[in-house]
Amino acid sequence: MDKMKLPECLPVTERPDDGSRGLQRTGFRGLAPRRGAMLERSMTSRRSFNRRSATTLLLTSIRGLKPTATIKTSLREDLAKTDYHRPKTTEHPFNLFNLFNPLAPALQLMLLLATTSCVCTLPGSRAVNRYEYQQPQMGLPFRIVLYARNPIQAKTAANAAFHRIKELNDIMSDYDDESELSKLSRSSGQGREVRVSDDLWTVLERAQALAVRSSGAFDVTVGPYVNLWRKARRERKMPDPARLAQARQAVGYTHVMLNPKHHTVQLLAPDMRLDLGGIAKGYAVDEALKVLRRLGISRALVAGGGDMAVGDPPPGKSAWRIELAPLDTTNAPPARFVRLSRAALATSGDLFQRLEIGGQRYSHIVDPHTGIGLTDHSLVSVIAPDCITADSLTKVVSVLGPEKGIQFIENTPRVAARVMRQPGDKIEARESRRFGRFYDEK
């Protein structure tokens, strides 16, 4: 029998950590989904499609995507976990941007609130299959791509990874009043040390080390500022200067005292509010990848918003091919791709979470020194050995600015960064020396 040409499996794509419309966020400061699409796929056999079971795929595309799948969205409180299967014949680059493109008004649907999976059998190989899963976690879509021997191994590993992400959100969310982080914040100014979990300790210890090294350019005590700017974006007006001055009394990394011997934390100033939005999502991505590896899955990719980490490359490939997010401007340069293996990539900027007043654009990223949202229209991408490093360094570079930020990266071992910005009508690009080695020049 002649072999039929199988339809290609186009990965669901994602945009960096910025956006504010769409699915209501429940976790960290970051991207809420802005793009919906409709997905209808017929169930297939575990291994392959035959002619009768081949599914007609149509992608309702808003911004230049190749038509390959129809996406159906629905909003429901209880997530119905459904698996979808389809074959794959070629590798597509992973795009960390397009999932969050805004929709045309008539098609502005919510993100699919059901776990989905995609099975793709590699040509010439019956031992390893490609599986894709997606779930909303931390208020944004998390995606897992992995290679496994069979669907049971794949789904078990993916569910365990998603469970780990949810577990971390329950610990570190500043939106949840009952999270461990919120309870720690309420202890501020009471003169007592609070013992914290190993996960929260790890993130706070890394955050404080980076705060010291960056002289406060990275600071998880910015919560009082962040709350004022969230309110400002909702009301479309600048924060009250008096409220900003009052919040300043509760901000400063020097107000956080860590006791390494007992893993306790003391918050010295009253009314402090910790915000781990610039680091905890990267840690969650790393932890999900670790779960997969412990369960025998070494070839995997985990992405949440603008943060992603990859393990070993797909079979027959030397690396994962990732598309870098472009600036949201009509004269943006052509898309560039990087190749990653056992590494992480994080991207931050003001693409969607911003406030515009009087022609001035204020980012959702707040300068800890001033309490004011950044006004530099830029997009920062950092490549690092792990995602907690990449995630947090994008905020450092954003606050320091392109010149000082890139110098900070040059002085940091094993990391690389690129800054795309638009001062006025022109576009500028600045890169660290190590960034160029990751480009895919195909």
Protein backbone atom coordinates (compact mmCIF):
# COMPACT_ATOMS: atom_id res chain seq x y z
CA MET A 1 0.00 0.00 0.00
CA ASP A 2 1.30 3.46 -0.85
CA LYS A 3 2.20 5.58 2.11
CA MET A 4 -0.05 8.57 2.52
CA LYS A 5 1.37 12.03 3.22
CA LEU A 6 0.48 12.83 6.81
CA PRO A 7 -0.55 16.33 7.94
CA GLU A 8 2.03 18.25 9.87
CA CYS A 9 1.63 18.94 13.56
CA LEU A 10 2.13 22.65 14.21
CA PRO A 11 3.04 23.39 17.84
CA VAL A 12 0.80 25.65 19.85
CA THR A 13 2.75 28.87 20.22
CA GLU A 14 3.31 31.31 23.06
CA ARG A 15 4.20 34.93 23.62
CA PRO A 16 6.41 36.55 26.26
CA ASP A 17 5.50 37.48 29.80
CA ASP A 18 3.38 40.55 29.20
CA GLY A 19 -0.40 40.69 28.42
CA SER A 20 -3.29 41.41 30.58
CA ARG A 21 -6.52 40.49 28.81
CA GLY A 22 -8.15 37.12 28.36
CA LEU A 23 -8.10 34.44 31.05
CA GLN A 24 -8.25 35.95 34.55
CA ARG A 25 -4.90 35.50 36.26
CA THR A 26 -4.82 33.55 39.50
CA GLY A 27 -1.10 33.42 40.20
CA PHE A 28 2.01 35.36 39.42
CA ARG A 29 2.38 38.73 37.79
CA GLY A 30 2.75 37.84 34.15
CA LEU A 31 0.89 37.07 31.00
CA ALA A 32 -2.78 36.26 30.81
CA PRO A 33 -3.74 34.65 27.52
CA ARG A 34 -5.10 36.97 24.84
CA ARG A 35 -5.62 34.59 22.03
CA GLY A 36 -8.14 31.87 21.53
CA ALA A 37 -8.58 29.51 18.65
CA MET A 38 -10.79 26.56 17.92
CA LEU A 39 -9.56 22.99 18.03
CA GLU A 40 -11.42 20.05 16.62
CA ARG A 41 -9.54 16.81 16.20
CA SER A 42 -10.72 13.23 15.83
CA MET A 43 -9.25 10.56 18.14
CA THR A 44 -6.72 8.31 16.45
CA SER A 45 -5.00 5.06 17.13
CA ARG A 46 -2.02 5.02 19.50
CA ARG A 47 0.57 4.79 16.75
CA SER A 48 -0.57 6.25 13.46
CA PHE A 49 -3.27 7.60 11.22
CA ASN A 50 -4.78 5.61 8.38
CA ARG A 51 -6.69 7.10 5.52
CA ARG A 52 -10.08 6.83 7.17
CA SER A 53 -9.05 8.30 10.51
CA ALA A 54 -7.05 11.25 9.17
CA THR A 55 -8.45 14.48 10.60
CA THR A 56 -9.09 17.60 8.58
CA LEU A 57 -7.15 20.35 10.30
CA LEU A 58 -7.83 24.05 9.95
CA LEU A 59 -6.14 26.72 12.04
CA THR A 60 -8.19 29.85 12.55
CA SER A 61 -5.24 32.14 12.34
CA ILE A 62 -5.21 35.79 13.24
CA ARG A 63 -1.66 36.86 12.58
CA GLY A 64 0.05 34.97 9.81
CA LEU A 65 0.00 31.39 11.15
CA LYS A 66 0.04 28.47 8.75
CA PRO A 67 -3.50 26.98 8.59
CA THR A 68 -3.31 23.55 10.22
CA ALA A 69 -5.82 23.24 13.04
CA THR A 70 -9.24 24.49 14.16
CA ILE A 71 -9.37 25.72 17.75
CA LYS A 72 -12.50 25.66 19.90
CA THR A 73 -12.50 27.45 23.20
CA SER A 74 -14.74 27.27 26.21
CA LEU A 75 -14.69 28.76 29.69
CA ARG A 76 -15.48 26.35 32.52
CA GLU A 77 -14.47 26.19 36.15
CA ASP A 78 -13.79 22.46 36.23
CA LEU A 79 -11.12 21.52 33.71
CA ALA A 80 -12.10 18.55 31.58
CA LYS A 81 -8.93 16.65 30.73
CA THR A 82 -9.10 15.47 27.13
CA ASP A 83 -6.38 13.94 24.97
CA TYR A 84 -6.12 14.66 21.27
CA HIS A 85 -3.82 12.69 19.00
CA ARG A 86 -2.35 13.50 15.63
CA PRO A 87 0.69 12.41 13.62
CA LYS A 88 3.81 14.39 12.84
CA THR A 89 6.27 14.10 10.00
CA THR A 90 8.52 17.14 10.44
CA GLU A 91 9.82 19.32 13.25
CA HIS A 92 8.51 22.88 13.46
CA PRO A 93 10.36 25.59 15.37
CA PHE A 94 8.90 26.35 18.76
CA ASN A 95 7.43 29.84 18.70
CA LEU A 96 7.32 31.50 22.13
CA PHE A 97 5.22 34.39 20.88
CA ASN A 98 2.18 33.75 18.72
CA LEU A 99 -0.12 32.06 21.25
CA PHE A 100 -0.73 35.48 22.76
CA ASN A 101 -1.43 37.48 19.61
CA PRO A 102 -4.58 39.57 20.05
CA LEU A 103 -7.66 38.27 18.27
CA ALA A 104 -9.93 40.11 15.91
CA PRO A 105 -12.91 41.42 17.90
CA ALA A 106 -15.35 38.96 16.32
CA LEU A 107 -13.10 36.04 17.26
CA GLN A 108 -11.89 37.11 20.68
CA LEU A 109 -12.43 33.82 22.47
CA MET A 110 -11.05 32.50 25.72
CA LEU A 111 -8.17 30.04 25.87
CA LEU A 112 -9.14 26.37 25.88
CA LEU A 113 -9.51 25.42 29.55
CA ALA A 114 -8.98 21.72 29.00
CA THR A 115 -5.73 19.81 29.11
CA THR A 116 -4.83 18.79 25.58
CA SER A 117 -2.21 16.51 24.17
CA CYS A 118 -0.75 15.80 20.78
CA VAL A 119 0.89 12.52 19.79
CA CYS A 120 3.34 12.62 16.92
CA THR A 121 5.11 9.48 15.72
CA LEU A 122 8.60 10.08 14.40
CA PRO A 123 9.21 8.77 10.87
CA GLY A 124 11.17 5.55 10.86
CA SER A 125 10.86 5.08 14.63
CA ARG A 126 8.36 2.97 16.54
CA ALA A 127 10.07 3.33 19.90
CA VAL A 128 9.62 7.06 20.59
CA ASN A 129 6.66 9.35 20.07
CA ARG A 130 6.21 13.09 20.46
CA TYR A 131 3.47 14.21 22.84
CA GLU A 132 2.17 17.71 23.60
CA TYR A 133 0.11 18.79 26.60
CA GLN A 134 -1.25 22.16 27.68
CA GLN A 135 -2.89 23.37 30.89
CA PRO A 136 -3.61 26.78 32.41
CA GLN A 137 -1.35 27.20 35.42
CA MET A 138 -0.32 30.30 37.38
CA GLY A 139 -2.90 32.29 35.42
CA LEU A 140 -1.36 31.55 32.01
CA PRO A 141 -1.01 28.61 29.61
CA PHE A 142 1.77 26.14 30.36
CA ARG A 143 2.85 23.81 27.58
CA ILE A 144 4.84 20.58 27.73
CA VAL A 145 6.35 18.85 24.72
CA LEU A 146 7.99 15.50 25.41
CA TYR A 147 9.18 12.29 23.77
CA ALA A 148 8.11 9.03 25.38
CA ARG A 149 7.73 5.32 24.63
CA ASN A 150 3.95 5.24 24.93
CA PRO A 151 0.92 7.39 25.84
CA ILE A 152 0.72 6.07 29.40
CA GLN A 153 4.30 7.09 30.20
CA ALA A 154 3.80 10.45 28.50
CA LYS A 155 0.53 11.36 30.21
CA THR A 156 1.70 10.18 33.63
CA ALA A 157 4.83 12.33 33.35
CA ALA A 158 2.96 15.39 32.05
CA ASN A 159 0.33 15.20 34.80
CA ALA A 160 3.06 14.95 37.43
CA ALA A 161 4.81 18.00 35.98
CA PHE A 162 1.59 20.05 35.91
CA HIS A 163 0.86 18.98 39.48
CA ARG A 164 4.28 20.26 40.53
CA ILE A 165 3.58 23.64 38.91
CA LYS A 166 0.24 23.91 40.72
CA GLU A 167 1.93 22.97 43.99
CA LEU A 168 4.41 25.81 43.57
CA ASN A 169 1.67 28.28 42.68
CA ASP A 170 -0.14 27.37 45.89
CA ILE A 171 3.05 28.24 47.77
CA MET A 172 4.20 31.39 45.98
CA SER A 173 1.15 33.18 44.58
CA ASP A 174 0.65 36.73 45.81
CA TYR A 175 -2.95 36.61 44.54
CA ASP A 176 -3.92 33.85 46.98
CA ASP A 177 -4.39 35.14 50.54
CA GLU A 178 -3.84 31.62 51.89
CA SER A 179 -0.57 30.94 50.04
CA GLU A 180 2.59 30.52 52.08
CA LEU A 181 3.98 33.71 50.53
CA SER A 182 0.93 35.78 51.51
CA LYS A 183 1.06 34.49 55.05
CA LEU A 184 4.75 35.40 55.23
CA SER A 185 3.95 38.91 54.00
CA ARG A 186 1.37 39.35 56.76
CA SER A 187 4.09 38.67 59.34
CA SER A 188 5.97 41.81 58.30
CA GLY A 189 6.86 44.27 61.04
CA GLN A 190 5.98 41.84 63.83
CA GLY A 191 9.57 41.17 64.87
CA ARG A 192 9.41 37.40 64.39
CA GLU A 193 11.08 34.86 62.19
CA VAL A 194 8.92 32.56 60.08
CA ARG A 195 10.09 29.13 59.00
CA VAL A 196 9.40 28.56 55.29
CA SER A 197 9.23 25.55 53.01
CA ASP A 198 12.27 24.40 51.04
CA ASP A 199 10.79 25.70 47.77
CA LEU A 200 10.05 29.17 49.11
CA TRP A 201 13.45 29.28 50.79
CA THR A 202 15.22 28.39 47.53
CA VAL A 203 13.47 31.15 45.59
CA LEU A 204 13.94 33.79 48.29
CA GLU A 205 17.61 32.91 48.71
CA ARG A 206 18.20 33.25 44.96
CA ALA A 207 16.20 36.48 44.86
CA GLN A 208 18.14 38.08 47.70
CA ALA A 209 21.49 37.09 46.20
CA LEU A 210 20.52 38.74 42.91
CA ALA A 211 19.16 41.80 44.73
CA VAL A 212 22.51 42.31 46.46
CA ARG A 213 24.51 41.77 43.28
CA SER A 214 22.30 44.12 41.22
CA SER A 215 22.15 46.78 43.97
CA GLY A 216 18.39 46.42 44.17
CA ALA A 217 17.58 46.35 40.44
CA PHE A 218 15.92 43.05 41.27
CA ASP A 219 13.80 43.21 44.42
CA VAL A 220 10.94 40.92 45.46
CA THR A 221 9.69 43.43 48.06
CA VAL A 222 8.13 45.60 45.29
CA GLY A 223 4.67 44.20 46.04
CA PRO A 224 3.27 47.50 47.43
CA TYR A 225 4.33 49.28 44.22
CA VAL A 226 3.00 46.52 42.01
CA ASN A 227 -0.43 46.64 43.64
CA LEU A 228 -0.67 50.38 42.97
CA TRP A 229 0.26 49.91 39.32
CA ARG A 230 -2.24 47.07 38.87
CA LYS A 231 -4.93 49.46 40.15
CA ALA A 232 -3.57 52.22 37.88
CA ARG A 233 -3.87 50.01 34.78
CA ARG A 234 -7.46 49.13 35.68
CA GLU A 235 -8.41 52.76 36.23
CA ARG A 236 -6.28 54.11 33.37
CA LYS A 237 -4.60 56.73 35.53
CA MET A 238 -1.27 57.21 37.28
CA PRO A 239 -0.86 55.98 40.87
CA ASP A 240 -1.44 58.54 43.59
CA PRO A 241 1.98 60.09 44.47
CA ALA A 242 1.09 60.06 48.17
CA ARG A 243 0.30 56.34 48.01
CA LEU A 244 3.59 55.69 46.19
CA ALA A 245 5.48 57.58 48.89
CA GLN A 246 3.73 55.55 51.58
CA ALA A 247 4.48 52.27 49.76
CA ARG A 248 8.15 53.22 49.51
CA GLN A 249 8.49 52.74 53.28
CA ALA A 250 7.71 49.03 52.87
CA VAL A 251 9.97 48.38 49.86
CA GLY A 252 13.63 47.41 49.96
CA TYR A 253 15.47 44.09 49.87
CA THR A 254 17.41 45.10 52.99
CA HIS A 255 14.14 44.66 54.92
CA VAL A 256 14.34 40.89 54.33
CA MET A 257 16.45 38.86 56.78
CA LEU A 258 17.21 35.23 55.89
CA ASN A 259 18.47 32.71 58.44
CA PRO A 260 20.20 29.91 56.44
CA LYS A 261 20.64 27.68 59.47
CA HIS A 262 16.95 27.42 60.28
CA HIS A 263 15.42 28.43 56.91
CA THR A 264 13.52 31.25 58.54
CA VAL A 265 12.60 34.66 57.15
CA GLN A 266 11.96 37.90 58.98
CA LEU A 267 10.37 40.91 57.28
CA LEU A 268 11.52 43.97 59.17
CA ALA A 269 9.24 46.75 57.88
CA PRO A 270 5.48 46.93 58.44
CA ASP A 271 3.05 46.40 55.54
CA MET A 272 5.54 44.58 53.32
CA ARG A 273 4.22 42.51 50.44
CA LEU A 274 6.51 40.11 48.60
CA ASP A 275 6.00 39.61 44.87
CA LEU A 276 7.82 36.69 43.23
CA GLY A 277 6.44 37.38 39.75
CA GLY A 278 9.91 37.99 38.37
CA ILE A 279 11.45 34.69 39.45
CA ALA A 280 9.01 32.01 40.66
CA LYS A 281 7.60 31.12 37.24
CA GLY A 282 11.10 30.34 36.03
CA TYR A 283 11.60 28.13 39.07
CA ALA A 284 8.33 26.32 38.32
CA VAL A 285 9.46 25.65 34.74
CA ASP A 286 12.73 24.18 36.03
CA GLU A 287 10.94 22.01 38.57
CA ALA A 288 8.51 20.67 35.97
CA LEU A 289 11.42 19.69 33.74
CA LYS A 290 13.07 17.94 36.71
CA VAL A 291 9.90 15.93 37.33
CA LEU A 292 9.89 14.75 33.73
CA ARG A 293 13.53 13.71 33.91
CA ARG A 294 12.96 11.77 37.15
CA LEU A 295 10.20 9.86 35.38
CA GLY A 296 12.48 8.89 32.52
CA ILE A 297 11.65 11.73 30.11
CA SER A 298 14.88 13.50 29.13
CA ARG A 299 13.76 14.95 25.77
CA ALA A 300 11.29 17.60 26.79
CA LEU A 301 10.34 21.28 26.65
CA VAL A 302 8.36 23.16 29.30
CA ALA A 303 7.06 26.67 28.59
CA GLY A 304 4.93 29.09 30.57
CA GLY A 305 4.31 32.55 29.16
CA GLY A 306 7.67 34.03 28.22
CA ASP A 307 9.69 31.46 30.19
CA MET A 308 10.82 28.09 28.88
CA ALA A 309 13.40 25.39 29.53
CA VAL A 310 14.45 22.43 27.40
CA GLY A 311 16.14 19.14 28.15
CA ASP A 312 17.82 16.90 25.62
CA PRO A 313 16.92 17.70 22.00
CA PRO A 314 14.36 15.73 19.98
CA PRO A 315 15.58 12.44 18.46
CA GLY A 316 17.73 13.04 15.42
CA LYS A 317 18.16 16.73 16.25
CA SER A 318 21.07 18.56 17.84
CA ALA A 319 18.90 21.19 19.55
CA TRP A 320 15.43 22.66 19.96
CA ARG A 321 14.77 25.47 17.46
CA ILE A 322 13.07 28.42 19.16
CA GLU A 323 11.70 31.61 17.59
CA LEU A 324 12.53 34.79 19.49
CA ALA A 325 9.69 37.19 20.17
CA PRO A 326 9.72 40.36 18.03
CA LEU A 327 8.80 43.86 19.08
CA ASP A 328 5.15 44.79 18.56
CA THR A 329 5.85 47.30 15.81
CA THR A 330 5.21 47.34 12.08
CA ASN A 331 8.87 47.92 11.19
CA ALA A 332 10.26 45.13 13.37
CA PRO A 333 13.15 43.17 11.83
CA PRO A 334 12.58 39.59 10.59
CA ALA A 335 12.17 36.87 13.18
CA ARG A 336 15.32 35.21 14.51
CA PHE A 337 15.71 31.69 15.84
CA VAL A 338 17.97 30.20 18.48
CA ARG A 339 19.02 26.60 19.09
CA LEU A 340 18.95 25.34 22.66
CA SER A 341 19.73 22.10 24.46
CA ARG A 342 19.62 21.70 28.26
CA ALA A 343 19.13 25.44 28.61
CA ALA A 344 16.47 28.06 29.30
CA LEU A 345 15.13 31.16 27.58
CA ALA A 346 13.06 33.92 29.18
CA THR A 347 11.60 37.03 27.56
CA SER A 348 10.12 40.09 29.30
CA GLY A 349 8.86 43.42 28.07
CA ASP A 350 5.92 45.79 27.91
CA LEU A 351 4.09 44.28 24.96
CA PHE A 352 0.68 44.17 26.65
CA GLN A 353 0.87 44.83 30.38
CA ARG A 354 1.35 48.56 30.26
CA LEU A 355 -0.32 51.87 30.95
CA GLU A 356 -0.37 54.72 28.42
CA ILE A 357 -1.13 58.22 29.71
CA GLY A 358 -0.46 61.45 27.85
CA GLY A 359 1.52 59.66 25.17
CA GLN A 360 3.85 58.07 27.75
CA ARG A 361 4.06 54.29 27.95
CA TYR A 362 4.58 52.70 31.39
CA SER A 363 5.55 49.04 31.64
CA HIS A 364 4.19 46.56 34.22
CA ILE A 365 7.84 46.11 35.28
CA VAL A 366 8.42 48.55 38.14
CA ASP A 367 11.76 50.09 39.01
CA PRO A 368 12.28 49.19 42.68
CA HIS A 369 14.28 52.39 43.24
CA THR A 370 11.54 54.76 42.07
CA GLY A 371 8.27 52.83 42.21
CA ILE A 372 7.52 53.94 38.64
CA GLY A 373 6.78 51.59 35.73
CA LEU A 374 9.57 51.46 33.17
CA THR A 375 9.11 53.78 30.20
CA ASP A 376 11.64 52.19 27.84
CA HIS A 377 9.76 50.32 25.11
CA SER A 378 11.91 47.19 25.04
CA LEU A 379 11.93 43.41 24.89
CA VAL A 380 14.63 41.55 26.81
CA SER A 381 15.55 37.90 26.12
CA VAL A 382 17.99 35.98 28.32
CA ILE A 383 19.48 32.52 27.73
CA ALA A 384 20.80 30.73 30.81
CA PRO A 385 21.49 27.21 32.12
CA ASP A 386 18.18 27.25 34.05
CA CYS A 387 14.94 29.18 33.88
CA ILE A 388 15.05 30.70 37.37
CA THR A 389 18.23 32.48 36.27
CA ALA A 390 16.89 33.53 32.87
CA ASP A 391 13.57 34.74 34.29
CA SER A 392 15.08 36.91 37.01
CA LEU A 393 17.82 38.35 34.81
CA THR A 394 15.31 39.69 32.27
CA LYS A 395 14.03 41.98 35.04
CA VAL A 396 17.53 43.10 36.00
CA VAL A 397 18.38 44.01 32.41
CA SER A 398 15.03 45.78 31.96
CA VAL A 399 15.56 47.94 35.06
CA LEU A 400 19.24 48.70 34.43
CA GLY A 401 18.66 49.58 30.78
CA PRO A 402 20.41 48.22 27.68
CA GLU A 403 23.93 49.50 28.33
CA LYS A 404 24.29 48.66 32.03
CA GLY A 405 22.08 45.60 31.65
CA ILE A 406 24.21 44.02 28.93
CA GLN A 407 27.34 44.77 30.95
CA PHE A 408 25.74 43.00 33.92
CA ILE A 409 25.14 39.98 31.67
CA GLU A 410 28.72 40.05 30.38
CA ASN A 411 29.89 39.78 33.99
CA THR A 412 27.58 36.81 34.67
CA PRO A 413 28.99 33.40 33.68
CA ARG A 414 27.12 31.14 31.24
CA VAL A 415 24.34 33.58 30.33
CA ALA A 416 23.56 35.69 27.27
CA ALA A 417 21.06 38.45 26.54
CA ARG A 418 19.49 40.43 23.72
CA VAL A 419 17.66 43.75 24.09
CA MET A 420 15.29 44.98 21.38
CA ARG A 421 13.97 48.48 21.95
CA GLN A 422 12.25 51.30 20.08
CA PRO A 423 13.34 54.75 21.17
CA GLY A 424 11.23 57.04 19.01
CA ASP A 425 10.70 55.72 15.50
CA LYS A 426 13.84 53.60 15.19
CA ILE A 427 14.55 50.09 16.43
CA GLU A 428 17.76 49.27 18.25
CA ALA A 429 19.22 45.87 19.08
CA ARG A 430 21.95 45.20 21.59
CA GLU A 431 23.38 41.77 22.43
CA SER A 432 25.90 40.31 24.79
CA ARG A 433 28.90 38.63 23.19
CA ARG A 434 27.69 35.12 23.97
CA PHE A 435 24.21 35.53 22.48
CA GLY A 436 25.30 35.16 18.86
CA ARG A 437 26.50 31.60 19.36
CA PHE A 438 22.89 30.45 19.88
CA TYR A 439 21.50 31.80 16.59
CA ASP A 440 20.20 29.40 13.99
CA GLU A 441 21.29 30.96 10.72
CA LYS A 442 19.20 28.71 8.46
